[in-house]
C-alpha atoms as a PDB file:
ATOM      1  CA  MET A   1      69.081 106.349 120.275  1.00  0.00           C
ATOM      2  CA  SER A   2      71.071 107.369 123.344  1.00  0.00           C
ATOM      3  CA  ILE A   3      69.381 109.309 126.177  1.00  0.00           C
ATOM      4  CA  LEU A   4      71.508 112.401 125.456  1.00  0.00           C
ATOM      5  CA  THR A   5      70.532 112.371 121.785  1.00  0.00           C
ATOM      6  CA  PHE A   6      66.857 111.919 122.722  1.00  0.00           C
ATOM      7  CA  ILE A   7      66.980 114.952 125.034  1.00  0.00           C
ATOM      8  CA  LEU A   8      68.671 117.086 122.383  1.00  0.00           C
ATOM      9  CA  PHE A   9      66.026 116.107 119.837  1.00  0.00           C
ATOM     10  CA  ALA A  10      63.215 116.777 122.320  1.00  0.00           C
ATOM     11  CA  PHE A  11      64.230 120.320 123.220  1.00  0.00           C
ATOM     12  CA  ALA A  12      65.141 121.449 119.731  1.00  0.00           C
ATOM     13  CA  ASP A  13      62.659 123.303 117.485  1.00  0.00           C
ATOM     14  CA  ILE A  14      60.641 120.879 115.338  1.00  0.00           C
ATOM     15  CA  VAL A  15      60.593 121.643 111.597  1.00  0.00           C
ATOM     16  CA  PRO A  16      58.397 119.404 109.370  1.00  0.00           C
ATOM     17  CA  SER A  17      60.463 118.682 106.255  1.00  0.00           C
ATOM     18  CA  GLY A  18      58.330 116.536 103.973  1.00  0.00           C
ATOM     19  CA  ASP A  19      58.401 112.841 103.198  1.00  0.00           C
ATOM     20  CA  ALA A  20      61.321 110.481 103.425  1.00  0.00           C
ATOM     21  CA  PHE A  21      62.159 108.562 100.258  1.00  0.00           C
ATOM     22  CA  VAL A  22      62.482 104.806  99.822  1.00  0.00           C
ATOM     23  CA  GLU A  23      64.067 103.464  96.621  1.00  0.00           C
ATOM     24  CA  PRO A  24      64.852  99.846  95.645  1.00  0.00           C
ATOM     25  CA  LEU A  25      68.463  99.014  94.809  1.00  0.00           C
ATOM     26  CA  GLN A  26      67.154  96.289  92.448  1.00  0.00           C
ATOM     27  CA  PRO A  27      64.425  98.021  90.405  1.00  0.00           C
ATOM     28  CA  ARG A  28      61.403  95.739  89.792  1.00  0.00           C
ATOM     29  CA  ASP A  29      57.612  95.995  89.674  1.00  0.00           C
ATOM     30  CA  SER A  30      57.103  94.398  93.107  1.00  0.00           C
ATOM     31  CA  VAL A  31      58.808  94.223  96.493  1.00  0.00           C
ATOM     32  CA  LEU A  32      60.162  90.768  97.335  1.00  0.00           C
ATOM     33  CA  ILE A  33      61.783  89.279 100.407  1.00  0.00           C
ATOM     34  CA  ALA A  34      65.517  90.085 100.726  1.00  0.00           C
ATOM     35  CA  ASP A  35      65.342  93.012  98.293  1.00  0.00           C
ATOM     36  CA  GLN A  36      67.466  95.946  99.450  1.00  0.00           C
ATOM     37  CA  PHE A  37      66.105  99.482  99.766  1.00  0.00           C
ATOM     38  CA  GLU A  38      67.679 102.870 100.269  1.00  0.00           C
ATOM     39  CA  TYR A  39      65.677 104.841 102.840  1.00  0.00           C
ATOM     40  CA  GLY A  40      66.493 108.424 103.652  1.00  0.00           C
ATOM     41  CA  PHE A  41      66.011 112.160 103.113  1.00  0.00           C
ATOM     42  CA  SER A  42      67.160 115.031 100.916  1.00  0.00           C
ATOM     43  CA  LEU A  43      68.105 118.556 101.997  1.00  0.00           C
ATOM     44  CA  ASP A  44      68.603 121.410  99.544  1.00  0.00           C
ATOM     45  CA  GLY A  45      70.565 124.602 100.101  1.00  0.00           C
ATOM     46  CA  VAL A  46      72.438 123.500 103.215  1.00  0.00           C
ATOM     47  CA  ALA A  47      74.743 126.318 104.295  1.00  0.00           C
ATOM     48  CA  PRO A  48      78.449 125.532 104.672  1.00  0.00           C
ATOM     49  CA  GLY A  49      79.348 124.803 108.298  1.00  0.00           C
ATOM     50  CA  THR A  50      75.975 123.239 109.112  1.00  0.00           C
ATOM     51  CA  THR A  51      76.145 120.198 111.425  1.00  0.00           C
ATOM     52  CA  LEU A  52      73.715 117.284 111.090  1.00  0.00           C
ATOM     53  CA  MET A  53      73.096 114.677 113.818  1.00  0.00           C
ATOM     54  CA  LEU A  54      71.296 111.468 112.841  1.00  0.00           C
ATOM     55  CA  GLN A  55      69.587 108.674 114.762  1.00  0.00           C
ATOM     56  CA  ASP A  56      71.248 105.263 115.018  1.00  0.00           C
ATOM     57  CA  PHE A  57      68.943 103.374 112.671  1.00  0.00           C
ATOM     58  CA  SER A  58      69.958  99.954 114.057  1.00  0.00           C
ATOM     59  CA  GLU A  59      67.571 100.636 116.972  1.00  0.00           C
ATOM     60  CA  PHE A  60      64.618 100.337 114.566  1.00  0.00           C
ATOM     61  CA  THR A  61      65.622  97.058 112.907  1.00  0.00           C
ATOM     62  CA  ASP A  62      65.295  93.395 113.918  1.00  0.00           C
ATOM     63  CA  ASP A  63      65.330  89.928 112.353  1.00  0.00           C
ATOM     64  CA  SER A  64      62.493  90.777 109.966  1.00  0.00           C
ATOM     65  CA  LEU A  65      63.975  94.130 108.859  1.00  0.00           C
ATOM     66  CA  VAL A  66      67.752  94.004 108.619  1.00  0.00           C
ATOM     67  CA  LEU A  67      70.019  97.051 108.498  1.00  0.00           C
ATOM     68  CA  VAL A  68      72.487  96.474 105.660  1.00  0.00           C
ATOM     69  CA  ARG A  69      74.214  99.869 105.874  1.00  0.00           C
ATOM     70  CA  ASN A  70      73.855 102.646 108.418  1.00  0.00           C
ATOM     71  CA  TRP A  71      73.725 106.339 107.581  1.00  0.00           C
ATOM     72  CA  GLN A  72      75.690 107.703 104.661  1.00  0.00           C
ATOM     73  CA  LEU A  73      75.663 111.390 103.652  1.00  0.00           C
ATOM     74  CA  ASP A  74      76.404 112.397 100.062  1.00  0.00           C
ATOM     75  CA  THR A  75      76.751 115.892  98.611  1.00  0.00           C
ATOM     76  CA  VAL A  76      74.675 115.775  95.438  1.00  0.00           C
ATOM     77  CA  ARG A  77      75.308 119.328  94.225  1.00  0.00           C
ATOM     78  CA  THR A  78      77.117 122.461  95.378  1.00  0.00           C
ATOM     79  CA  SER A  79      76.010 125.967  94.419  1.00  0.00           C
ATOM     80  CA  LYS A  80      76.205 129.531  95.701  1.00  0.00           C
ATOM     81  CA  SER A  81      73.036 129.010  97.707  1.00  0.00           C
ATOM     82  CA  GLY A  82      74.503 125.984  99.508  1.00  0.00           C
ATOM     83  CA  MET A  83      74.808 122.224  99.191  1.00  0.00           C
ATOM     84  CA  ASP A  84      72.202 119.653  98.248  1.00  0.00           C
ATOM     85  CA  ILE A  85      72.669 116.705 100.612  1.00  0.00           C
ATOM     86  CA  ARG A  86      71.236 113.207 100.438  1.00  0.00           C
ATOM     87  CA  GLY A  87      71.337 110.950 103.505  1.00  0.00           C
ATOM     88  CA  SER A  88      70.260 107.322 103.515  1.00  0.00           C
ATOM     89  CA  VAL A  89      70.466 103.880 105.084  1.00  0.00           C
ATOM     90  CA  VAL A  90      70.069 100.510 103.323  1.00  0.00           C
ATOM     91  CA  VAL A  91      67.540  98.042 104.747  1.00  0.00           C
ATOM     92  CA  SER A  92      66.294  94.628 103.651  1.00  0.00           C
ATOM     93  CA  PRO A  93      63.014  92.903 104.702  1.00  0.00           C
ATOM     94  CA  PHE A  94      63.038  89.164 105.370  1.00  0.00           C
ATOM     95  CA  GLU A  95      59.352  88.527 106.091  1.00  0.00           C
ATOM     96  CA  GLU A  96      56.218  89.056 104.032  1.00  0.00           C
ATOM     97  CA  GLY A  97      53.938  91.902 105.136  1.00  0.00           C
ATOM     98  CA  ARG A  98      53.544  95.663 105.354  1.00  0.00           C
ATOM     99  CA  TYR A  99      56.397  97.600 106.969  1.00  0.00           C
ATOM    100  CA  VAL A 100      56.035 101.152 108.273  1.00  0.00           C
ATOM    101  CA  LEU A 101      59.540 102.554 108.361  1.00  0.00           C
ATOM    102  CA  PRO A 102      60.195 105.000 111.216  1.00  0.00           C
ATOM    103  CA  GLY A 103      60.123 108.702 110.571  1.00  0.00           C
ATOM    104  CA  ILE A 104      63.499 110.348 110.237  1.00  0.00           C
ATOM    105  CA  ALA A 105      64.594 113.049 112.686  1.00  0.00           C
ATOM    106  CA  VAL A 106      67.665 115.115 111.832  1.00  0.00           C
ATOM    107  CA  ARG A 107      69.108 117.491 114.416  1.00  0.00           C
ATOM    108  CA  ARG A 108      70.534 120.501 112.556  1.00  0.00           C
ATOM    109  CA  THR A 109      72.938 123.082 113.980  1.00  0.00           C
ATOM    110  CA  LEU A 110      73.275 126.145 111.757  1.00  0.00           C
ATOM    111  CA  PRO A 111      76.549 128.108 111.437  1.00  0.00           C
ATOM    112  CA  GLY A 112      75.211 130.804 113.791  1.00  0.00           C
ATOM    113  CA  GLY A 113      74.570 128.253 116.539  1.00  0.00           C
ATOM    114  CA  ARG A 114      70.785 127.951 116.158  1.00  0.00           C
ATOM    115  CA  THR A 115      69.556 124.358 116.546  1.00  0.00           C
ATOM    116  CA  ASP A 116      66.388 122.716 115.239  1.00  0.00           C
ATOM    117  CA  THR A 117      65.094 119.242 114.376  1.00  0.00           C
ATOM    118  CA  LEU A 118      63.952 118.324 110.877  1.00  0.00           C
ATOM    119  CA  LEU A 119      61.226 115.656 110.739  1.00  0.00           C
ATOM    120  CA  PHE A 120      60.612 113.559 107.623  1.00  0.00           C
ATOM    121  CA  ASN A 121      57.398 111.557 107.361  1.00  0.00           C
ATOM    122  CA  PRO A 122      57.744 107.744 107.438  1.00  0.00           C
ATOM    123  CA  ALA A 123      57.450 105.527 104.369  1.00  0.00           C
ATOM    124  CA  GLU A 124      55.832 102.122 103.875  1.00  0.00           C
ATOM    125  CA  LEU A 125      56.920  98.860 102.238  1.00  0.00           C
ATOM    126  CA  ASP A 126      54.539  96.139 101.097  1.00  0.00           C
ATOM    127  CA  VAL A 127      56.680  92.989 100.885  1.00  0.00           C
ATOM    128  CA  LYS A 128      55.410  89.908  99.061  1.00  0.00           C
ATOM    129  CA  THR A 129      56.642  86.410  98.343  1.00  0.00           C
ATOM    130  CA  MET A 130      56.571  84.678  94.998  1.00  0.00           C
ATOM    131  CA  PRO A 131      53.097  83.122  94.622  1.00  0.00           C
ATOM    132  CA  VAL A 132      53.014  79.335  94.372  1.00  0.00           C
ATOM    133  CA  ASP A 133      50.054  77.455  92.874  1.00  0.00           C
ATOM    134  CA  THR A 134      49.803  74.557  95.319  1.00  0.00           C
ATOM    135  CA  ALA A 135      47.259  72.796  93.105  1.00  0.00           C
ATOM    136  CA  THR A 136      49.610  72.389  90.158  1.00  0.00           C
ATOM    137  CA  PHE A 137      52.996  72.675  91.886  1.00  0.00           C
ATOM    138  CA  GLU A 138      55.220  69.641  91.335  1.00  0.00           C
ATOM    139  CA  ILE A 139      58.639  69.016  92.862  1.00  0.00           C
ATOM    140  CA  ASN A 140      61.205  67.857  90.305  1.00  0.00           C
ATOM    141  CA  ASP A 141      64.664  66.396  90.759  1.00  0.00           C
ATOM    142  CA  LEU A 142      67.695  68.539  90.034  1.00  0.00           C
ATOM    143  CA  LYS A 143      68.781  68.321  86.433  1.00  0.00           C
ATOM    144  CA  GLY A 144      72.338  67.447  85.569  1.00  0.00           C
ATOM    145  CA  GLN A 145      74.667  69.817  83.764  1.00  0.00           C
ATOM    146  CA  MET A 146      73.837  70.167  80.089  1.00  0.00           C
ATOM    147  CA  ARG A 147      76.507  68.620  77.884  1.00  0.00           C
ATOM    148  CA  TYR A 148      77.224  69.618  74.315  1.00  0.00           C
ATOM    149  CA  PRO A 149      78.801  67.289  71.728  1.00  0.00           C
ATOM    150  CA  LEU A 150      82.544  67.698  71.248  1.00  0.00           C
ATOM    151  CA  LYS A 151      83.736  69.271  68.026  1.00  0.00           C
ATOM    152  CA  LEU A 152      86.874  68.271  66.155  1.00  0.00           C
ATOM    153  CA  ILE A 153      88.314  71.782  66.418  1.00  0.00           C
ATOM    154  CA  GLU A 154      88.095  71.515  70.236  1.00  0.00           C
ATOM    155  CA  VAL A 155      89.884  68.162  70.306  1.00  0.00           C
ATOM    156  CA  LEU A 156      92.678  68.979  67.822  1.00  0.00           C
ATOM    157  CA  PRO A 157      94.843  71.043  70.262  1.00  0.00           C
ATOM    158  CA  TRP A 158      94.754  68.180  72.784  1.00  0.00           C
ATOM    159  CA  LEU A 159      95.608  65.598  70.133  1.00  0.00           C
ATOM    160  CA  GLY A 160      98.467  67.781  68.920  1.00  0.00           C
ATOM    161  CA  GLY A 161      99.804  68.120  72.455  1.00  0.00           C
ATOM    162  CA  VAL A 162      99.687  64.352  73.006  1.00  0.00           C
ATOM    163  CA  VAL A 163     101.485  63.682  69.702  1.00  0.00           C
ATOM    164  CA  LEU A 164     104.152  66.280  70.550  1.00  0.00           C
ATOM    165  CA  LEU A 165     104.636  64.801  74.021  1.00  0.00           C
ATOM    166  CA  PHE A 166     105.080  61.281  72.639  1.00  0.00           C
ATOM    167  CA  GLY A 167     107.474  62.630  70.005  1.00  0.00           C
ATOM    168  CA  LEU A 168     109.675  64.315  72.610  1.00  0.00           C
ATOM    169  CA  ALA A 169     109.632  61.193  74.778  1.00  0.00           C
ATOM    170  CA  PHE A 170     110.676  59.050  71.803  1.00  0.00           C
ATOM    171  CA  LEU A 171     113.490  61.491  70.932  1.00  0.00           C
ATOM    172  CA  ILE A 172     114.838  61.484  74.503  1.00  0.00           C
ATOM    173  CA  VAL A 173     114.767  57.676  74.700  1.00  0.00           C
ATOM    174  CA  TRP A 174     116.492  57.404  71.313  1.00  0.00           C
ATOM    175  CA  LEU A 175     119.225  59.848  72.350  1.00  0.00           C
ATOM    176  CA  LEU A 176     119.792  58.097  75.660  1.00  0.00           C
ATOM    177  CA  ARG A 177     120.159  54.738  73.921  1.00  0.00           C
ATOM    178  CA  ARG A 178     122.751  56.266  71.605  1.00  0.00           C
ATOM    179  CA  ASN A 179     124.493  57.785  74.660  1.00  0.00           C
ATOM    180  CA  VAL A 180     124.189  61.291  73.173  1.00  0.00           C
ATOM    181  CA  PRO A 181     123.769  64.300  75.519  1.00  0.00           C
ATOM    182  CA  VAL A 182     120.209  65.531  75.038  1.00  0.00           C
ATOM    183  CA  GLY A 183     121.114  69.203  75.358  1.00  0.00           C
ATOM    184  CA  THR A 184     123.641  69.134  72.513  1.00  0.00           C
ATOM    185  CA  ALA A 185     122.001  66.652  70.176  1.00  0.00           C
ATOM    186  CA  LEU A 186     119.740  69.240  68.611  1.00  0.00           C
ATOM    187  CA  ARG A 187     122.822  71.140  67.377  1.00  0.00           C
ATOM    188  CA  ARG A 188     124.640  68.201  65.865  1.00  0.00           C
ATOM    189  CA  ASP A 189     124.276  69.746  62.437  1.00  0.00           C
ATOM    190  CA  GLU A 190     126.582  72.681  63.276  1.00  0.00           C
ATOM    191  CA  PRO A 191     130.401  72.389  63.346  1.00  0.00           C
ATOM    192  CA  PRO A 192     131.953  71.425  66.700  1.00  0.00           C
ATOM    193  CA  TYR A 193     133.971  74.633  66.952  1.00  0.00           C
ATOM    194  CA  VAL A 194     130.817  76.793  66.626  1.00  0.00           C
ATOM    195  CA  THR A 195     129.151  74.933  69.489  1.00  0.00           C
ATOM    196  CA  ALA A 196     132.289  75.195  71.645  1.00  0.00           C
ATOM    197  CA  LEU A 197     132.897  78.913  71.042  1.00  0.00           C
ATOM    198  CA  ARG A 198     129.255  79.735  71.715  1.00  0.00           C
ATOM    199  CA  ALA A 199     129.377  77.821  74.993  1.00  0.00           C
ATOM    200  CA  LEU A 200     132.669  79.429  76.067  1.00  0.00           C
ATOM    201  CA  ASP A 201     131.257  82.883  75.370  1.00  0.00           C
ATOM    202  CA  ARG A 202     128.855  82.443  78.296  1.00  0.00           C
ATOM    203  CA  TYR A 203     131.792  82.400  80.731  1.00  0.00           C
ATOM    204  CA  LYS A 204     133.115  85.870  79.849  1.00  0.00           C
ATOM    205  CA  ASP A 205     131.300  87.419  82.797  1.00  0.00           C
ATOM    206  CA  GLU A 206     133.621  87.981  85.769  1.00  0.00           C
ATOM    207  CA  LYS A 207     130.893  86.837  88.160  1.00  0.00           C
ATOM    208  CA  TYR A 208     132.152  83.273  87.559  1.00  0.00           C
ATOM    209  CA  TRP A 209     135.552  84.255  88.989  1.00  0.00           C
ATOM    210  CA  ALA A 210     134.221  84.636  92.535  1.00  0.00           C
ATOM    211  CA  PRO A 211     135.831  82.053  94.870  1.00  0.00           C
ATOM    212  CA  ASP A 212     132.521  80.287  95.506  1.00  0.00           C
ATOM    213  CA  ARG A 213     131.842  79.952  91.753  1.00  0.00           C
ATOM    214  CA  GLN A 214     135.295  79.027  90.445  1.00  0.00           C
ATOM    215  CA  LYS A 215     134.601  75.295  90.637  1.00  0.00           C
ATOM    216  CA  ALA A 216     131.620  75.720  88.306  1.00  0.00           C
ATOM    217  CA  TYR A 217     133.679  78.038  86.090  1.00  0.00           C
ATOM    218  CA  TYR A 218     136.531  75.571  85.524  1.00  0.00           C
ATOM    219  CA  SER A 219     134.207  72.571  85.301  1.00  0.00           C
ATOM    220  CA  GLY A 220     132.234  74.355  82.605  1.00  0.00           C
ATOM    221  CA  ILE A 221     135.274  75.328  80.532  1.00  0.00           C
ATOM    222  CA  THR A 222     136.914  71.902  80.670  1.00  0.00           C
ATOM    223  CA  ASP A 223     133.639  70.081  79.933  1.00  0.00           C
ATOM    224  CA  ILE A 224     133.158  72.246  76.833  1.00  0.00           C
ATOM    225  CA  LEU A 225     136.690  71.433  75.641  1.00  0.00           C
ATOM    226  CA  LYS A 226     136.215  67.705  76.308  1.00  0.00           C
ATOM    227  CA  THR A 227     133.032  67.667  74.228  1.00  0.00           C
ATOM    228  CA  TYR A 228     134.810  69.569  71.450  1.00  0.00           C
ATOM    229  CA  ILE A 229     137.795  67.175  71.526  1.00  0.00           C
ATOM    230  CA  ASP A 230     135.414  64.214  71.371  1.00  0.00           C
ATOM    231  CA  ARG A 231     133.718  65.568  68.237  1.00  0.00           C
ATOM    232  CA  ARG A 232     136.825  67.043  66.592  1.00  0.00           C
ATOM    233  CA  PHE A 233     139.397  64.299  67.195  1.00  0.00           C
ATOM    234  CA  GLY A 234     137.251  61.285  68.098  1.00  0.00           C
ATOM    235  CA  VAL A 235     138.877  60.990  71.538  1.00  0.00           C
ATOM    236  CA  ASP A 236     136.577  59.866  74.365  1.00  0.00           C
ATOM    237  CA  ALA A 237     137.635  62.878  76.437  1.00  0.00           C
ATOM    238  CA  PRO A 238     134.657  63.006  78.857  1.00  0.00           C
ATOM    239  CA  GLU A 239     135.653  59.600  80.282  1.00  0.00           C
ATOM    240  CA  MET A 240     139.401  60.356  80.664  1.00  0.00           C
ATOM    241  CA  THR A 241     141.538  61.897  83.366  1.00  0.00           C
ATOM    242  CA  THR A 242     143.753  64.856  82.508  1.00  0.00           C
ATOM    243  CA  ASP A 243     146.868  62.700  82.020  1.00  0.00           C
ATOM    244  CA  GLU A 244     145.000  60.128  79.897  1.00  0.00           C
ATOM    245  CA  LEU A 245     143.459  62.847  77.765  1.00  0.00           C
ATOM    246  CA  PHE A 246     146.670  64.646  76.916  1.00  0.00           C
ATOM    247  CA  ASP A 247     148.537  61.388  76.320  1.00  0.00           C
ATOM    248  CA  ALA A 248     145.867  60.611  73.734  1.00  0.00           C
ATOM    249  CA  LEU A 249     146.125  64.105  72.194  1.00  0.00           C
ATOM    250  CA  LYS A 250     149.850  63.636  71.536  1.00  0.00           C
ATOM    251  CA  SER A 251     149.010  61.340  68.641  1.00  0.00           C
ATOM    252  CA  CYS A 252     146.369  63.681  67.171  1.00  0.00           C
ATOM    253  CA  GLU A 253     147.363  65.800  64.202  1.00  0.00           C
ATOM    254  CA  GLY A 254     146.585  69.495  64.101  1.00  0.00           C
ATOM    255  CA  ILE A 255     147.574  70.412  67.689  1.00  0.00           C
ATOM    256  CA  LYS A 256     150.595  72.653  67.975  1.00  0.00           C
ATOM    257  CA  PRO A 257     153.025  71.793  70.804  1.00  0.00           C
ATOM    258  CA  GLU A 258     152.613  75.169  72.505  1.00  0.00           C
ATOM    259  CA  VAL A 259     148.824  74.876  72.320  1.00  0.00           C
ATOM    260  CA  TRP A 260     149.013  71.342  73.772  1.00  0.00           C
ATOM    261  CA  THR A 261     151.184  72.601  76.670  1.00  0.00           C
ATOM    262  CA  GLU A 262     148.997  75.630  77.490  1.00  0.00           C
ATOM    263  CA  THR A 263     145.789  73.585  77.354  1.00  0.00           C
ATOM    264  CA  LYS A 264     147.225  70.888  79.615  1.00  0.00           C
ATOM    265  CA  GLY A 265     148.166  73.625  82.102  1.00  0.00           C
ATOM    266  CA  LEU A 266     144.560  74.831  81.998  1.00  0.00           C
ATOM    267  CA  PHE A 267     143.255  71.330  82.829  1.00  0.00           C
ATOM    268  CA  GLU A 268     145.782  70.907  85.650  1.00  0.00           C
ATOM    269  CA  LEU A 269     144.759  74.275  87.141  1.00  0.00           C
ATOM    270  CA  ALA A 270     141.112  73.209  86.867  1.00  0.00           C
ATOM    271  CA  ASP A 271     141.907  70.008  88.775  1.00  0.00           C
ATOM    272  CA  PHE A 272     143.516  72.046  91.564  1.00  0.00           C
ATOM    273  CA  VAL A 273     140.454  74.313  91.788  1.00  0.00           C
ATOM    274  CA  LYS A 274     137.946  71.438  91.717  1.00  0.00           C
ATOM    275  CA  PHE A 275     139.717  68.921  93.942  1.00  0.00           C
ATOM    276  CA  ALA A 276     142.316  70.809  96.018  1.00  0.00           C
ATOM    277  CA  LYS A 277     140.167  73.907  96.775  1.00  0.00           C
ATOM    278  CA  HIS A 278     142.703  76.162  95.086  1.00  0.00           C
ATOM    279  CA  VAL A 279     141.493  79.751  94.564  1.00  0.00           C
ATOM    280  CA  ALA A 280     142.691  81.020  91.200  1.00  0.00           C
ATOM    281  CA  THR A 281     143.782  84.613  90.695  1.00  0.00           C
ATOM    282  CA  ARG A 282     142.101  87.027  88.302  1.00  0.00           C
ATOM    283  CA  ASP A 283     144.939  86.620  85.798  1.00  0.00           C
ATOM    284  CA  GLU A 284     144.636  82.818  85.965  1.00  0.00           C
ATOM    285  CA  ASN A 285     140.893  83.021  85.345  1.00  0.00           C
ATOM    286  CA  LEU A 286     141.329  85.341  82.385  1.00  0.00           C
ATOM    287  CA  ARG A 287     144.189  83.282  80.934  1.00  0.00           C
ATOM    288  CA  SER A 288     142.223  80.040  81.314  1.00  0.00           C
ATOM    289  CA  LEU A 289     139.316  81.276  79.193  1.00  0.00           C
ATOM    290  CA  SER A 290     141.724  82.709  76.624  1.00  0.00           C
ATOM    291  CA  THR A 291     143.583  79.363  76.458  1.00  0.00           C
ATOM    292  CA  ALA A 292     140.328  77.468  75.914  1.00  0.00           C
ATOM    293  CA  VAL A 293     139.293  79.778  73.067  1.00  0.00           C
ATOM    294  CA  SER A 294     142.774  79.571  71.506  1.00  0.00           C
ATOM    295  CA  PHE A 295     142.692  75.750  71.580  1.00  0.00           C
ATOM    296  CA  VAL A 296     139.376  75.684  69.693  1.00  0.00           C
ATOM    297  CA  THR A 297     140.312  78.324  67.123  1.00  0.00           C
ATOM    298  CA  SER A 298     143.801  76.929  66.406  1.00  0.00           C
ATOM    299  CA  THR A 299     142.626  73.334  65.951  1.00  0.00           C
ATOM    300  CA  TYR A 300     139.683  74.535  63.860  1.00  0.00           C
ATOM    301  CA  GLN A 301     142.016  76.465  61.548  1.00  0.00           C
ATOM    302  CA  THR A 302     144.197  73.362  61.216  1.00  0.00           C
ATOM    303  CA  GLU A 303     141.092  71.382  60.255  1.00  0.00           C
ATOM    304  CA  LEU A 304     140.280  73.928  57.534  1.00  0.00           C
ATOM    305  CA  ALA A 305     143.831  73.750  56.183  1.00  0.00           C
ATOM    306  CA  GLU A 306     143.637  69.949  56.052  1.00  0.00           C
ATOM    307  CA  GLY A 307     140.360  70.200  54.166  1.00  0.00           C
ATOM    308  CA  ARG A 308     141.848  72.568  51.588  1.00  0.00           C
ATOM    309  CA  ASP A 309     144.799  70.228  51.035  1.00  0.00           C
ATOM    310  CA  LYS A 310     142.417  67.318  50.388  1.00  0.00           C
ATOM    311  CA  ASP A 311     140.476  69.417  47.889  1.00  0.00           C
ATOM    312  CA  VAL A 312     143.692  70.246  45.976  1.00  0.00           C
ATOM    313  CA  LEU A 313     144.692  66.579  45.813  1.00  0.00           C
END
């Protein structure tokens, strides 16, 4: 307690106010070392505007009695007659023995300015340790962690995951040996034009027309068409240059001359964008996607017509 606080307490009127309370935070039938206790006082009917000054409880603690939390005031109830206030600290003993906790002095200043000191009688703690029978006490080694037998239901998810992993690895190796793109192999059962149109639909967003994304835009469109040409006409388009590809398409049936010309122009524009850093205009971008879709739909319709003719024959 500071000297100023001591003087204020000394000259104020002394008012005996009953016993302080001490309550364990871990309720049990005995007091053990390191248990924590709430020690404090209760005031009923405190008028609004009343000021309370409390001692610094850390001055009364040491290594054997540790202050866990200093003073905390809580308003328990409010009524017309005033407030019921509960003030407490939290302490913890770390040695066996009997502790006499210090009495609590509370300097109170009433709303009218009158000052007095409320004194609460001290409380006691009888701290004990766990009794040990030294005659029969035996030190044992630490036991290992208890293990339970594995059940089949616990192992099945892991076995299933291992089988699935080996299955995927086998599928990837098989596809690579057949030189089939892994991403498209799972849709081999659908017609080539469906795969191509679905892939082209992803490029409708104008965000791909930005100058820094045009290379990816034209690479994506032409790669889709090359894959479609490979599956539709049996031409190894992915391994050909633009000139080689369209020379090969001249001998393929089902491609109209105007479609052949427009599609070749699309591939040539794509080469300029990818290799000559050409920046295509908005109209060129829009026309390129439209040309790619037209190539797929026109050659697909020709394929259907050829199929109907074969059915008639």
